[in-house]
Amino acid sequence: MVASRSPTSHMSTDPTVGRVQVVAISEAFRHIVDTLPAFVWCAAPDGAIAFLNRRGLEYTGFSLEQVAGWNWRDTGILHPDDMDALFDAWQGIVASGREGEIQARMRRFDGEYRWFLFRVAPLHDQAGALAGWWGVDVEIDARKRAEDQLRQALTDAQADKNEFELVIDTIPGLVWRSLPDGHVEFLNRRWREYTGLSSAEASGWGWRVAIHPDDLPGVETCWRSILASGQPGEYEARLRHVDGAYRWFLFRCVPLRKADGTLAQWYGQTTDIEDRKRAEALLAGEKRLLEMMARGNPL
């Protein structure tokens, strides 16, 4: 592919038939594309570059002859990590005959690489045959950097979350976390081991199967009341062990809020109070016995 030095046309050689294709570009049109705040280029039907506007040439520091045809592949104009992917994508678009877009890093004349979005569309002649391709390259470096920072932040957040959950799994207690609407999304390892329920079984509202049937209505009423209030709360209920035995637990939960005060999550801890409940029952029995004796009632 060889670029014409004529100011009013560009040429490309068709390697399949050995002929030269000429696409006329008026001086007025060339002036317009040279002033556009983007890189505008055109290519032959086979994808060989035939024209690049002034902004593109000034940005890369290359002449049209250096980038024309397939010469651009040897200039280092694209980042080495992006070259093969862009070339394969470009060939795929050419083979399809349809418009497309590609993202890659392009080197500035001073050696700095910046991200660009390459958009290309086919040009057809009056008979409907493919006459060439027109492309526009728009810098998206700021957007890509923002996307990369967000992706890294999410990765770090996930890593922090995984580390947090690892720590929670080692706490000697039954700990859980739910969404603002009460949908439980995490139960630590000790909770799962105690009840014998998996995360999938207990998440959402599945944990209710481990609550004693006599206590479940009160638990649900109290939990929904806490959710509606947005305030810390607690309730007592019997929780089923993996062996089928029920023990009394104290369920405590507190809201976690964002900086703007919006409710983000609920965190809860479920503490075994079976011994305390038994002691309370014994004390209540002893108190009643003493009262009966004081009144002279038969035991």
C-alpha atoms as a PDB file:
ATOM      1  CA  MET A   1       0.000   0.000   0.000  1.00  0.00           C
ATOM      2  CA  VAL A   2       1.615   3.274  -1.126  1.00  0.00           C
ATOM      3  CA  ALA A   3       0.188   6.695  -0.370  1.00  0.00           C
ATOM      4  CA  SER A   4      -0.143   9.220  -3.161  1.00  0.00           C
ATOM      5  CA  ARG A   5       1.709  12.519  -2.845  1.00  0.00           C
ATOM      6  CA  SER A   6      -1.110  14.262  -4.704  1.00  0.00           C
ATOM      7  CA  PRO A   7      -2.934  16.732  -2.437  1.00  0.00           C
ATOM      8  CA  THR A   8      -6.268  15.749  -3.906  1.00  0.00           C
ATOM      9  CA  SER A   9      -6.180  11.961  -3.874  1.00  0.00           C
ATOM     10  CA  HIS A  10      -4.878   8.877  -2.136  1.00  0.00           C
ATOM     11  CA  MET A  11      -4.144   5.523  -3.696  1.00  0.00           C
ATOM     12  CA  SER A  12      -3.945   1.906  -2.619  1.00  0.00           C
ATOM     13  CA  THR A  13      -2.777  -1.160  -4.491  1.00  0.00           C
ATOM     14  CA  ASP A  14      -5.110  -4.143  -4.617  1.00  0.00           C
ATOM     15  CA  PRO A  15      -2.720  -7.097  -4.063  1.00  0.00           C
ATOM     16  CA  THR A  16      -5.186  -9.591  -5.542  1.00  0.00           C
ATOM     17  CA  VAL A  17      -5.371  -8.030  -8.998  1.00  0.00           C
ATOM     18  CA  GLY A  18      -2.371  -5.736  -9.060  1.00  0.00           C
ATOM     19  CA  ARG A  19      -4.304  -2.603  -9.935  1.00  0.00           C
ATOM     20  CA  VAL A  20      -4.287   0.847  -8.284  1.00  0.00           C
ATOM     21  CA  GLN A  21      -7.450   2.235  -6.711  1.00  0.00           C
ATOM     22  CA  VAL A  22      -7.801   6.013  -6.516  1.00  0.00           C
ATOM     23  CA  VAL A  23     -10.259   7.740  -4.208  1.00  0.00           C
ATOM     24  CA  ALA A  24     -10.594  11.449  -4.808  1.00  0.00           C
ATOM     25  CA  ILE A  25     -10.404  13.776  -1.781  1.00  0.00           C
ATOM     26  CA  SER A  26     -11.078  17.436  -2.419  1.00  0.00           C
ATOM     27  CA  GLU A  27      -8.939  20.114  -0.779  1.00  0.00           C
ATOM     28  CA  ALA A  28     -12.030  21.379   1.100  1.00  0.00           C
ATOM     29  CA  PHE A  29     -12.737  17.934   2.520  1.00  0.00           C
ATOM     30  CA  ARG A  30      -9.081  17.412   3.436  1.00  0.00           C
ATOM     31  CA  HIS A  31      -9.111  20.761   5.259  1.00  0.00           C
ATOM     32  CA  ILE A  32     -12.190  19.710   7.240  1.00  0.00           C
ATOM     33  CA  VAL A  33     -10.799  16.342   8.354  1.00  0.00           C
ATOM     34  CA  ASP A  34      -7.461  17.949   9.192  1.00  0.00           C
ATOM     35  CA  THR A  35      -9.152  20.298  11.679  1.00  0.00           C
ATOM     36  CA  LEU A  36     -11.389  17.722  13.355  1.00  0.00           C
ATOM     37  CA  PRO A  37     -10.425  17.033  17.009  1.00  0.00           C
ATOM     38  CA  ALA A  38      -9.842  13.374  16.170  1.00  0.00           C
ATOM     39  CA  PHE A  39      -7.719  11.202  13.928  1.00  0.00           C
ATOM     40  CA  VAL A  40      -9.502  10.478  10.646  1.00  0.00           C
ATOM     41  CA  TRP A  41      -8.259   7.880   8.214  1.00  0.00           C
ATOM     42  CA  CYS A  42      -9.395   5.782   5.296  1.00  0.00           C
ATOM     43  CA  ALA A  43      -8.368   2.389   4.032  1.00  0.00           C
ATOM     44  CA  ALA A  44      -8.730   0.303   0.903  1.00  0.00           C
ATOM     45  CA  PRO A  45     -11.318  -2.515   0.818  1.00  0.00           C
ATOM     46  CA  ASP A  46      -8.624  -4.969   1.961  1.00  0.00           C
ATOM     47  CA  GLY A  47      -7.891  -2.824   5.040  1.00  0.00           C
ATOM     48  CA  ALA A  48      -4.623  -1.248   3.904  1.00  0.00           C
ATOM     49  CA  ILE A  49      -4.304   2.335   5.170  1.00  0.00           C
ATOM     50  CA  ALA A  50      -4.471   4.966   2.435  1.00  0.00           C
ATOM     51  CA  PHE A  51      -4.911   8.255   4.304  1.00  0.00           C
ATOM     52  CA  LEU A  52      -4.461   9.719   7.786  1.00  0.00           C
ATOM     53  CA  ASN A  53      -5.345  13.318   8.599  1.00  0.00           C
ATOM     54  CA  ARG A  54      -2.894  15.938   9.817  1.00  0.00           C
ATOM     55  CA  ARG A  55      -3.795  15.586  13.500  1.00  0.00           C
ATOM     56  CA  GLY A  56      -3.043  11.870  13.368  1.00  0.00           C
ATOM     57  CA  LEU A  57       0.293  12.411  11.638  1.00  0.00           C
ATOM     58  CA  GLU A  58       1.321  15.165  14.057  1.00  0.00           C
ATOM     59  CA  TYR A  59       0.349  13.058  17.074  1.00  0.00           C
ATOM     60  CA  THR A  60       2.354  10.021  15.967  1.00  0.00           C
ATOM     61  CA  GLY A  61       5.247  11.957  14.420  1.00  0.00           C
ATOM     62  CA  PHE A  62       5.140   9.808  11.297  1.00  0.00           C
ATOM     63  CA  SER A  63       4.617  10.743   7.666  1.00  0.00           C
ATOM     64  CA  LEU A  64       1.779   9.312   5.600  1.00  0.00           C
ATOM     65  CA  GLU A  65       4.296   7.206   3.650  1.00  0.00           C
ATOM     66  CA  GLN A  66       5.516   5.639   6.900  1.00  0.00           C
ATOM     67  CA  VAL A  67       2.062   4.504   8.029  1.00  0.00           C
ATOM     68  CA  ALA A  68       0.412   3.852   4.640  1.00  0.00           C
ATOM     69  CA  GLY A  69      -0.563   0.367   3.561  1.00  0.00           C
ATOM     70  CA  TRP A  70       0.523  -2.044   6.281  1.00  0.00           C
ATOM     71  CA  ASN A  71       3.679  -0.114   7.153  1.00  0.00           C
ATOM     72  CA  TRP A  72       2.095   1.085  10.419  1.00  0.00           C
ATOM     73  CA  ARG A  73       2.627  -2.397  11.878  1.00  0.00           C
ATOM     74  CA  ASP A  74       6.407  -1.875  11.740  1.00  0.00           C
ATOM     75  CA  THR A  75       6.483   1.637  13.222  1.00  0.00           C
ATOM     76  CA  GLY A  76       5.671   0.734  16.833  1.00  0.00           C
ATOM     77  CA  ILE A  77       2.731   3.105  16.599  1.00  0.00           C
ATOM     78  CA  LEU A  78       0.674   0.721  18.768  1.00  0.00           C
ATOM     79  CA  HIS A  79       1.552  -0.675  22.168  1.00  0.00           C
ATOM     80  CA  PRO A  80       3.240  -4.082  21.788  1.00  0.00           C
ATOM     81  CA  ASP A  81       0.679  -5.677  24.106  1.00  0.00           C
ATOM     82  CA  ASP A  82      -2.202  -4.410  21.942  1.00  0.00           C
ATOM     83  CA  MET A  83      -0.806  -4.906  18.448  1.00  0.00           C
ATOM     84  CA  ASP A  84      -1.840  -8.520  17.782  1.00  0.00           C
ATOM     85  CA  ALA A  85      -5.320  -8.086  19.235  1.00  0.00           C
ATOM     86  CA  LEU A  86      -5.972  -4.940  17.192  1.00  0.00           C
ATOM     87  CA  PHE A  87      -4.653  -6.478  13.983  1.00  0.00           C
ATOM     88  CA  ASP A  88      -6.809  -9.593  14.436  1.00  0.00           C
ATOM     89  CA  ALA A  89      -9.860  -7.461  15.240  1.00  0.00           C
ATOM     90  CA  TRP A  90      -9.217  -5.232  12.223  1.00  0.00           C
ATOM     91  CA  GLN A  91      -8.951  -8.238   9.912  1.00  0.00           C
ATOM     92  CA  GLY A  92     -12.188  -9.577  11.388  1.00  0.00           C
ATOM     93  CA  ILE A  93     -13.999  -6.321  10.658  1.00  0.00           C
ATOM     94  CA  VAL A  94     -12.646  -6.238   7.108  1.00  0.00           C
ATOM     95  CA  ALA A  95     -13.756  -9.831   6.536  1.00  0.00           C
ATOM     96  CA  SER A  96     -17.248  -9.074   7.883  1.00  0.00           C
ATOM     97  CA  GLY A  97     -17.730  -5.946   5.774  1.00  0.00           C
ATOM     98  CA  ARG A  98     -19.519  -4.314   8.729  1.00  0.00           C
ATOM     99  CA  GLU A  99     -18.649  -1.408  10.978  1.00  0.00           C
ATOM    100  CA  GLY A 100     -16.861  -2.058  14.247  1.00  0.00           C
ATOM    101  CA  GLU A 101     -14.686  -0.599  16.973  1.00  0.00           C
ATOM    102  CA  ILE A 102     -11.465  -1.519  18.726  1.00  0.00           C
ATOM    103  CA  GLN A 103      -9.607  -0.149  21.746  1.00  0.00           C
ATOM    104  CA  ALA A 104      -5.819   0.040  21.887  1.00  0.00           C
ATOM    105  CA  ARG A 105      -2.953   2.214  23.087  1.00  0.00           C
ATOM    106  CA  MET A 106      -1.309   4.423  20.486  1.00  0.00           C
ATOM    107  CA  ARG A 107       2.120   5.966  20.887  1.00  0.00           C
ATOM    108  CA  ARG A 108       2.523   9.720  20.813  1.00  0.00           C
ATOM    109  CA  PHE A 109       5.528  11.286  19.075  1.00  0.00           C
ATOM    110  CA  ASP A 110       7.271  11.623  22.475  1.00  0.00           C
ATOM    111  CA  GLY A 111       6.916   7.906  23.240  1.00  0.00           C
ATOM    112  CA  GLU A 112       3.931   8.069  25.607  1.00  0.00           C
ATOM    113  CA  TYR A 113       1.121   5.584  24.989  1.00  0.00           C
ATOM    114  CA  ARG A 114      -2.484   6.660  25.406  1.00  0.00           C
ATOM    115  CA  TRP A 115      -5.740   4.744  24.976  1.00  0.00           C
ATOM    116  CA  PHE A 116      -7.830   5.329  21.841  1.00  0.00           C
ATOM    117  CA  LEU A 117     -11.146   4.047  20.568  1.00  0.00           C
ATOM    118  CA  PHE A 118     -10.884   3.117  16.865  1.00  0.00           C
ATOM    119  CA  ARG A 119     -14.257   3.292  15.104  1.00  0.00           C
ATOM    120  CA  VAL A 120     -14.531   2.205  11.497  1.00  0.00           C
ATOM    121  CA  ALA A 121     -17.360   1.968   8.957  1.00  0.00           C
ATOM    122  CA  PRO A 122     -17.453   0.630   5.383  1.00  0.00           C
ATOM    123  CA  LEU A 123     -17.821   2.921   2.357  1.00  0.00           C
ATOM    124  CA  HIS A 124     -19.886   1.569  -0.546  1.00  0.00           C
ATOM    125  CA  ASP A 125     -20.076   2.812  -4.103  1.00  0.00           C
ATOM    126  CA  GLN A 126     -23.298   3.475  -6.007  1.00  0.00           C
ATOM    127  CA  ALA A 127     -23.505  -0.172  -7.017  1.00  0.00           C
ATOM    128  CA  GLY A 128     -23.320  -1.251  -3.380  1.00  0.00           C
ATOM    129  CA  ALA A 129     -19.821  -2.686  -3.661  1.00  0.00           C
ATOM    130  CA  LEU A 130     -17.313  -2.102  -0.871  1.00  0.00           C
ATOM    131  CA  ALA A 131     -15.157   0.856  -1.948  1.00  0.00           C
ATOM    132  CA  GLY A 132     -13.121   1.349   1.213  1.00  0.00           C
ATOM    133  CA  TRP A 133     -13.220   2.107   4.913  1.00  0.00           C
ATOM    134  CA  TRP A 134     -13.427   5.314   6.936  1.00  0.00           C
ATOM    135  CA  GLY A 135     -12.181   5.403  10.498  1.00  0.00           C
ATOM    136  CA  VAL A 136     -12.088   7.817  13.426  1.00  0.00           C
ATOM    137  CA  ASP A 137      -9.749   7.443  16.408  1.00  0.00           C
ATOM    138  CA  VAL A 138     -10.854   9.188  19.605  1.00  0.00           C
ATOM    139  CA  GLU A 139      -8.686   9.428  22.701  1.00  0.00           C
ATOM    140  CA  ILE A 140     -10.273   7.700  25.709  1.00  0.00           C
ATOM    141  CA  ASP A 141      -7.232   7.583  27.974  1.00  0.00           C
ATOM    142  CA  ALA A 142      -8.880   9.425  30.875  1.00  0.00           C
ATOM    143  CA  ARG A 143     -11.898   7.119  30.715  1.00  0.00           C
ATOM    144  CA  LYS A 144      -9.741   3.990  30.559  1.00  0.00           C
ATOM    145  CA  ARG A 145      -7.645   5.117  33.484  1.00  0.00           C
ATOM    146  CA  ALA A 146     -10.799   5.782  35.483  1.00  0.00           C
ATOM    147  CA  GLU A 147     -12.124   2.338  34.560  1.00  0.00           C
ATOM    148  CA  ASP A 148      -8.829   0.741  35.586  1.00  0.00           C
ATOM    149  CA  GLN A 149      -8.851   2.590  38.906  1.00  0.00           C
ATOM    150  CA  LEU A 150     -12.434   1.506  39.559  1.00  0.00           C
ATOM    151  CA  ARG A 151     -11.597  -2.082  38.632  1.00  0.00           C
ATOM    152  CA  GLN A 152      -8.594  -2.032  40.959  1.00  0.00           C
ATOM    153  CA  ALA A 153     -10.684  -0.505  43.737  1.00  0.00           C
ATOM    154  CA  LEU A 154     -13.260  -3.277  43.331  1.00  0.00           C
ATOM    155  CA  THR A 155     -10.482  -5.870  43.341  1.00  0.00           C
ATOM    156  CA  ASP A 156      -9.015  -4.364  46.500  1.00  0.00           C
ATOM    157  CA  ALA A 157     -12.453  -4.216  48.063  1.00  0.00           C
ATOM    158  CA  GLN A 158     -13.024  -7.871  47.241  1.00  0.00           C
ATOM    159  CA  ALA A 159      -9.630  -8.733  48.699  1.00  0.00           C
ATOM    160  CA  ASP A 160     -10.477  -6.762  51.823  1.00  0.00           C
ATOM    161  CA  LYS A 161     -13.838  -8.500  51.971  1.00  0.00           C
ATOM    162  CA  ASN A 162     -12.205 -11.921  51.649  1.00  0.00           C
ATOM    163  CA  GLU A 163      -9.703 -11.051  54.377  1.00  0.00           C
ATOM    164  CA  PHE A 164     -12.512  -9.700  56.557  1.00  0.00           C
ATOM    165  CA  GLU A 165     -14.558 -12.855  56.119  1.00  0.00           C
ATOM    166  CA  LEU A 166     -11.507 -14.972  56.926  1.00  0.00           C
ATOM    167  CA  VAL A 167     -11.126 -13.075  60.185  1.00  0.00           C
ATOM    168  CA  ILE A 168     -14.854 -13.378  60.935  1.00  0.00           C
ATOM    169  CA  ASP A 169     -14.661 -17.126  60.358  1.00  0.00           C
ATOM    170  CA  THR A 170     -12.161 -17.436  63.217  1.00  0.00           C
ATOM    171  CA  ILE A 171     -14.215 -15.443  65.746  1.00  0.00           C
ATOM    172  CA  PRO A 172     -15.555 -17.733  68.525  1.00  0.00           C
ATOM    173  CA  GLY A 173     -19.139 -16.821  67.807  1.00  0.00           C
ATOM    174  CA  LEU A 174     -21.883 -17.082  65.222  1.00  0.00           C
ATOM    175  CA  VAL A 175     -21.594 -13.959  63.018  1.00  0.00           C
ATOM    176  CA  TRP A 176     -23.689 -12.943  60.036  1.00  0.00           C
ATOM    177  CA  ARG A 177     -24.313 -10.039  57.653  1.00  0.00           C
ATOM    178  CA  SER A 178     -27.407  -8.959  55.748  1.00  0.00           C
ATOM    179  CA  LEU A 179     -28.513  -6.378  53.212  1.00  0.00           C
ATOM    180  CA  PRO A 180     -30.621  -3.385  54.349  1.00  0.00           C
ATOM    181  CA  ASP A 181     -33.820  -5.320  53.568  1.00  0.00           C
ATOM    182  CA  GLY A 182     -32.827  -8.206  55.842  1.00  0.00           C
ATOM    183  CA  HIS A 183     -31.635 -10.563  53.112  1.00  0.00           C
ATOM    184  CA  VAL A 184     -28.766 -12.481  54.759  1.00  0.00           C
ATOM    185  CA  GLU A 185     -25.740 -12.643  52.451  1.00  0.00           C
ATOM    186  CA  PHE A 186     -23.020 -14.020  54.741  1.00  0.00           C
ATOM    187  CA  LEU A 187     -22.856 -16.405  57.699  1.00  0.00           C
ATOM    188  CA  ASN A 188     -19.485 -17.281  59.126  1.00  0.00           C
ATOM    189  CA  ARG A 189     -18.041 -20.781  59.272  1.00  0.00           C
ATOM    190  CA  ARG A 190     -18.952 -21.331  62.939  1.00  0.00           C
ATOM    191  CA  TRP A 191     -22.602 -20.480  62.195  1.00  0.00           C
ATOM    192  CA  ARG A 192     -22.678 -22.934  59.312  1.00  0.00           C
ATOM    193  CA  GLU A 193     -20.933 -25.667  61.267  1.00  0.00           C
ATOM    194  CA  TYR A 194     -23.257 -25.258  64.247  1.00  0.00           C
ATOM    195  CA  THR A 195     -26.484 -25.481  62.243  1.00  0.00           C
ATOM    196  CA  GLY A 196     -25.224 -27.833  59.541  1.00  0.00           C
ATOM    197  CA  LEU A 197     -26.593 -25.502  56.879  1.00  0.00           C
ATOM    198  CA  SER A 198     -24.558 -24.412  53.870  1.00  0.00           C
ATOM    199  CA  SER A 199     -24.245 -20.772  52.802  1.00  0.00           C
ATOM    200  CA  ALA A 200     -26.670 -21.430  49.949  1.00  0.00           C
ATOM    201  CA  GLU A 201     -29.202 -23.042  52.273  1.00  0.00           C
ATOM    202  CA  ALA A 202     -29.045 -20.382  54.981  1.00  0.00           C
ATOM    203  CA  SER A 203     -28.649 -17.220  52.888  1.00  0.00           C
ATOM    204  CA  GLY A 204     -31.574 -14.951  52.153  1.00  0.00           C
ATOM    205  CA  TRP A 205     -34.282 -16.108  54.543  1.00  0.00           C
ATOM    206  CA  GLY A 206     -33.242 -19.758  54.558  1.00  0.00           C
ATOM    207  CA  TRP A 207     -31.799 -19.458  58.095  1.00  0.00           C
ATOM    208  CA  ARG A 208     -35.353 -19.610  59.475  1.00  0.00           C
ATOM    209  CA  VAL A 209     -35.381 -23.419  59.221  1.00  0.00           C
ATOM    210  CA  ALA A 210     -32.883 -23.511  62.095  1.00  0.00           C
ATOM    211  CA  ILE A 211     -35.151 -21.541  64.463  1.00  0.00           C
ATOM    212  CA  HIS A 212     -37.421 -23.430  66.864  1.00  0.00           C
ATOM    213  CA  PRO A 213     -40.968 -23.492  65.392  1.00  0.00           C
ATOM    214  CA  ASP A 214     -42.421 -22.003  68.582  1.00  0.00           C
ATOM    215  CA  ASP A 215     -39.978 -19.080  68.450  1.00  0.00           C
ATOM    216  CA  LEU A 216     -40.032 -18.371  64.708  1.00  0.00           C
ATOM    217  CA  PRO A 217     -43.097 -16.043  64.590  1.00  0.00           C
ATOM    218  CA  GLY A 218     -41.649 -13.864  67.344  1.00  0.00           C
ATOM    219  CA  VAL A 219     -38.226 -13.833  65.694  1.00  0.00           C
ATOM    220  CA  GLU A 220     -39.660 -12.732  62.346  1.00  0.00           C
ATOM    221  CA  THR A 221     -41.800 -10.016  63.950  1.00  0.00           C
ATOM    222  CA  CYS A 222     -38.849  -8.665  65.947  1.00  0.00           C
ATOM    223  CA  TRP A 223     -36.454  -8.784  62.972  1.00  0.00           C
ATOM    224  CA  ARG A 224     -38.858  -6.921  60.688  1.00  0.00           C
ATOM    225  CA  SER A 225     -39.414  -4.326  63.412  1.00  0.00           C
ATOM    226  CA  ILE A 226     -35.664  -3.779  63.709  1.00  0.00           C
ATOM    227  CA  LEU A 227     -35.344  -3.446  59.925  1.00  0.00           C
ATOM    228  CA  ALA A 228     -38.100  -0.844  59.857  1.00  0.00           C
ATOM    229  CA  SER A 229     -36.549   1.179  62.678  1.00  0.00           C
ATOM    230  CA  GLY A 230     -32.995   1.105  61.359  1.00  0.00           C
ATOM    231  CA  GLN A 231     -31.787   0.889  64.954  1.00  0.00           C
ATOM    232  CA  PRO A 232     -29.780  -1.792  66.798  1.00  0.00           C
ATOM    233  CA  GLY A 233     -31.841  -4.563  68.316  1.00  0.00           C
ATOM    234  CA  GLU A 234     -31.761  -7.995  69.897  1.00  0.00           C
ATOM    235  CA  TYR A 235     -33.990 -10.982  70.467  1.00  0.00           C
ATOM    236  CA  GLU A 236     -33.803 -14.447  72.019  1.00  0.00           C
ATOM    237  CA  ALA A 237     -34.746 -17.705  70.367  1.00  0.00           C
ATOM    238  CA  ARG A 238     -33.778 -21.351  70.244  1.00  0.00           C
ATOM    239  CA  LEU A 239     -31.428 -22.377  67.439  1.00  0.00           C
ATOM    240  CA  ARG A 240     -31.138 -25.948  66.240  1.00  0.00           C
ATOM    241  CA  HIS A 241     -27.768 -27.670  66.456  1.00  0.00           C
ATOM    242  CA  VAL A 242     -26.615 -29.963  63.662  1.00  0.00           C
ATOM    243  CA  ASP A 243     -27.497 -32.916  65.943  1.00  0.00           C
ATOM    244  CA  GLY A 244     -31.092 -31.713  66.203  1.00  0.00           C
ATOM    245  CA  ALA A 245     -30.925 -30.309  69.736  1.00  0.00           C
ATOM    246  CA  TYR A 246     -32.168 -26.738  70.349  1.00  0.00           C
ATOM    247  CA  ARG A 247     -30.256 -24.267  72.490  1.00  0.00           C
ATOM    248  CA  TRP A 248     -31.120 -20.713  73.444  1.00  0.00           C
ATOM    249  CA  PHE A 249     -29.262 -17.919  71.675  1.00  0.00           C
ATOM    250  CA  LEU A 250     -29.240 -14.131  71.879  1.00  0.00           C
ATOM    251  CA  PHE A 251     -29.429 -12.543  68.417  1.00  0.00           C
ATOM    252  CA  ARG A 252     -27.912  -9.046  68.348  1.00  0.00           C
ATOM    253  CA  CYS A 253     -27.701  -6.841  65.252  1.00  0.00           C
ATOM    254  CA  VAL A 254     -26.397  -3.351  64.471  1.00  0.00           C
ATOM    255  CA  PRO A 255     -26.697  -1.246  61.298  1.00  0.00           C
ATOM    256  CA  LEU A 256     -23.664  -0.185  59.251  1.00  0.00           C
ATOM    257  CA  ARG A 257     -24.156   3.174  57.572  1.00  0.00           C
ATOM    258  CA  LYS A 258     -22.339   4.984  54.776  1.00  0.00           C
ATOM    259  CA  ALA A 259     -20.775   8.402  55.186  1.00  0.00           C
ATOM    260  CA  ASP A 260     -24.039  10.049  54.092  1.00  0.00           C
ATOM    261  CA  GLY A 261     -26.027   8.132  56.685  1.00  0.00           C
ATOM    262  CA  THR A 262     -27.562   5.677  54.244  1.00  0.00           C
ATOM    263  CA  LEU A 263     -28.017   2.171  55.630  1.00  0.00           C
ATOM    264  CA  ALA A 264     -25.525  -0.122  53.917  1.00  0.00           C
ATOM    265  CA  GLN A 265     -25.693  -3.437  55.788  1.00  0.00           C
ATOM    266  CA  TRP A 266     -26.604  -5.154  59.027  1.00  0.00           C
ATOM    267  CA  TYR A 267     -24.081  -7.066  61.112  1.00  0.00           C
ATOM    268  CA  GLY A 268     -25.185  -9.545  63.725  1.00  0.00           C
ATOM    269  CA  GLN A 269     -23.775 -11.910  66.324  1.00  0.00           C
ATOM    270  CA  THR A 270     -25.628 -14.908  67.721  1.00  0.00           C
ATOM    271  CA  THR A 271     -24.460 -15.866  71.220  1.00  0.00           C
ATOM    272  CA  ASP A 272     -25.235 -19.090  73.065  1.00  0.00           C
ATOM    273  CA  ILE A 273     -27.178 -18.265  76.280  1.00  0.00           C
ATOM    274  CA  GLU A 274     -28.414 -21.778  77.071  1.00  0.00           C
ATOM    275  CA  ASP A 275     -26.606 -21.867  80.435  1.00  0.00           C
ATOM    276  CA  ARG A 276     -27.954 -18.463  81.360  1.00  0.00           C
ATOM    277  CA  LYS A 277     -31.486 -19.476  80.436  1.00  0.00           C
ATOM    278  CA  ARG A 278     -31.177 -22.636  82.527  1.00  0.00           C
ATOM    279  CA  ALA A 279     -29.863 -20.606  85.462  1.00  0.00           C
ATOM    280  CA  GLU A 280     -32.739 -18.150  85.084  1.00  0.00           C
ATOM    281  CA  ALA A 281     -35.203 -21.043  85.048  1.00  0.00           C
ATOM    282  CA  LEU A 282     -33.650 -22.510  88.192  1.00  0.00           C
ATOM    283  CA  LEU A 283     -33.717 -19.152  89.947  1.00  0.00           C
ATOM    284  CA  ALA A 284     -37.331 -18.654  88.954  1.00  0.00           C
ATOM    285  CA  GLY A 285     -38.171 -22.118  90.301  1.00  0.00           C
ATOM    286  CA  GLU A 286     -36.369 -21.492  93.560  1.00  0.00           C
ATOM    287  CA  LYS A 287     -38.119 -18.147  93.956  1.00  0.00           C
ATOM    288  CA  ARG A 288     -41.511 -19.764  93.438  1.00  0.00           C
ATOM    289  CA  LEU A 289     -40.641 -22.552  95.895  1.00  0.00           C
ATOM    290  CA  LEU A 290     -39.639 -20.046  98.572  1.00  0.00           C
ATOM    291  CA  GLU A 291     -42.831 -18.073  97.980  1.00  0.00           C
ATOM    292  CA  MET A 292     -44.920 -21.260  98.375  1.00  0.00           C
ATOM    293  CA  MET A 293     -43.109 -22.144 101.566  1.00  0.00           C
ATOM    294  CA  ALA A 294     -43.598 -18.627 102.940  1.00  0.00           C
ATOM    295  CA  ARG A 295     -47.311 -18.857 102.296  1.00  0.00           C
ATOM    296  CA  GLY A 296     -47.484 -22.320 103.803  1.00  0.00           C
ATOM    297  CA  ASN A 297     -48.605 -23.891 100.535  1.00  0.00           C
ATOM    298  CA  PRO A 298     -47.989 -27.644 100.219  1.00  0.00           C
ATOM    299  CA  LEU A 299     -44.995 -28.427  98.031  1.00  0.00           C
END
